[in-house]
Amino acid sequence: MTSFSVILWRVAGTLNRIDAVRVESERCHKEAVKQRRAAGVMAESEPGKGSIFSTRFLVTKNIGDHR
């Protein structure tokens, strides 16, 4: 029973870390979209008009800048 508890504890910790990374990634993505809209690259009234690839590049670039 003890080893099962340890496994559950580790899985829970891993899931918490994954969730934290997901939240940070979403925050960076929203910030990149906001920057692109401010620069006039994406029109806020046209949500499907921007390139997701270029937005993802900005997110990756911004994350890399903080390391």
Protein backbone atom coordinates (compact mmCIF):
# COMPACT_ATOMS: atom_id res chain seq x y z
CA MET A 1 0.00 0.00 0.00
CA THR A 2 2.84 2.40 0.76
CA SER A 3 4.43 2.09 -2.68
CA PHE A 4 1.04 2.78 -4.29
CA SER A 5 0.74 5.96 -2.21
CA VAL A 6 4.20 7.05 -3.34
CA ILE A 7 3.24 6.49 -6.97
CA LEU A 8 0.04 8.51 -6.53
CA TRP A 9 2.01 11.28 -4.80
CA ARG A 10 4.49 11.45 -7.69
CA VAL A 11 1.75 11.39 -10.33
CA ALA A 12 -0.08 14.21 -8.53
CA GLY A 13 3.14 16.25 -8.38
CA THR A 14 3.81 15.68 -12.06
CA LEU A 15 0.26 16.70 -12.99
CA ASN A 16 0.61 19.87 -10.90
CA ARG A 17 3.84 20.78 -12.73
CA ILE A 18 2.23 20.08 -16.12
CA ASP A 19 -0.72 22.29 -15.18
CA ALA A 20 1.61 25.10 -14.06
CA VAL A 21 3.46 24.96 -17.39
CA ARG A 22 0.14 24.98 -19.29
CA VAL A 23 -1.05 28.06 -17.38
CA GLU A 24 2.25 29.87 -18.07
CA SER A 25 2.09 28.91 -21.75
CA GLU A 26 -1.46 30.24 -22.04
CA ARG A 27 -0.41 33.48 -20.33
CA CYS A 28 2.50 33.92 -22.76
CA HIS A 29 0.25 33.14 -25.73
CA LYS A 30 -2.33 35.72 -24.62
CA GLU A 31 0.42 38.30 -24.15
CA ALA A 32 1.80 37.57 -27.64
CA VAL A 33 -1.66 37.94 -29.18
CA LYS A 34 -2.12 41.21 -27.28
CA GLN A 35 1.24 42.49 -28.60
CA ARG A 36 0.35 41.50 -32.16
CA ARG A 37 -3.03 43.22 -31.92
CA ALA A 38 -1.38 46.36 -30.55
CA ALA A 39 1.04 46.27 -33.49
CA GLY A 40 -1.89 45.95 -35.90
CA VAL A 41 -0.96 42.47 -37.08
CA MET A 42 -4.22 40.90 -35.90
CA ALA A 43 -7.52 42.77 -35.88
CA GLU A 44 -9.33 42.19 -32.60
CA SER A 45 -12.70 42.10 -34.35
CA GLU A 46 -11.44 39.35 -36.66
CA PRO A 47 -10.35 36.49 -34.38
CA GLY A 48 -9.56 34.03 -37.17
CA LYS A 49 -7.41 36.34 -39.30
CA GLY A 50 -3.99 35.95 -37.65
CA SER A 51 -1.51 33.19 -38.36
CA ILE A 52 -1.32 30.81 -35.42
CA PHE A 53 2.19 29.84 -36.49
CA SER A 54 3.56 33.36 -36.26
CA THR A 55 1.80 33.86 -32.91
CA ARG A 56 3.33 30.63 -31.59
CA PHE A 57 6.72 31.85 -32.79
CA LEU A 58 6.32 35.01 -30.71
CA VAL A 59 5.37 32.94 -27.65
CA THR A 60 8.42 30.71 -28.13
CA LYS A 61 10.64 33.74 -28.66
CA ASN A 62 9.29 35.46 -25.53
CA ILE A 63 9.76 32.34 -23.40
CA GLY A 64 13.32 32.00 -24.71
CA ASP A 65 14.05 35.63 -23.81
CA HIS A 66 13.30 34.96 -20.14
CA ARG A 67 15.71 32.05 -19.75
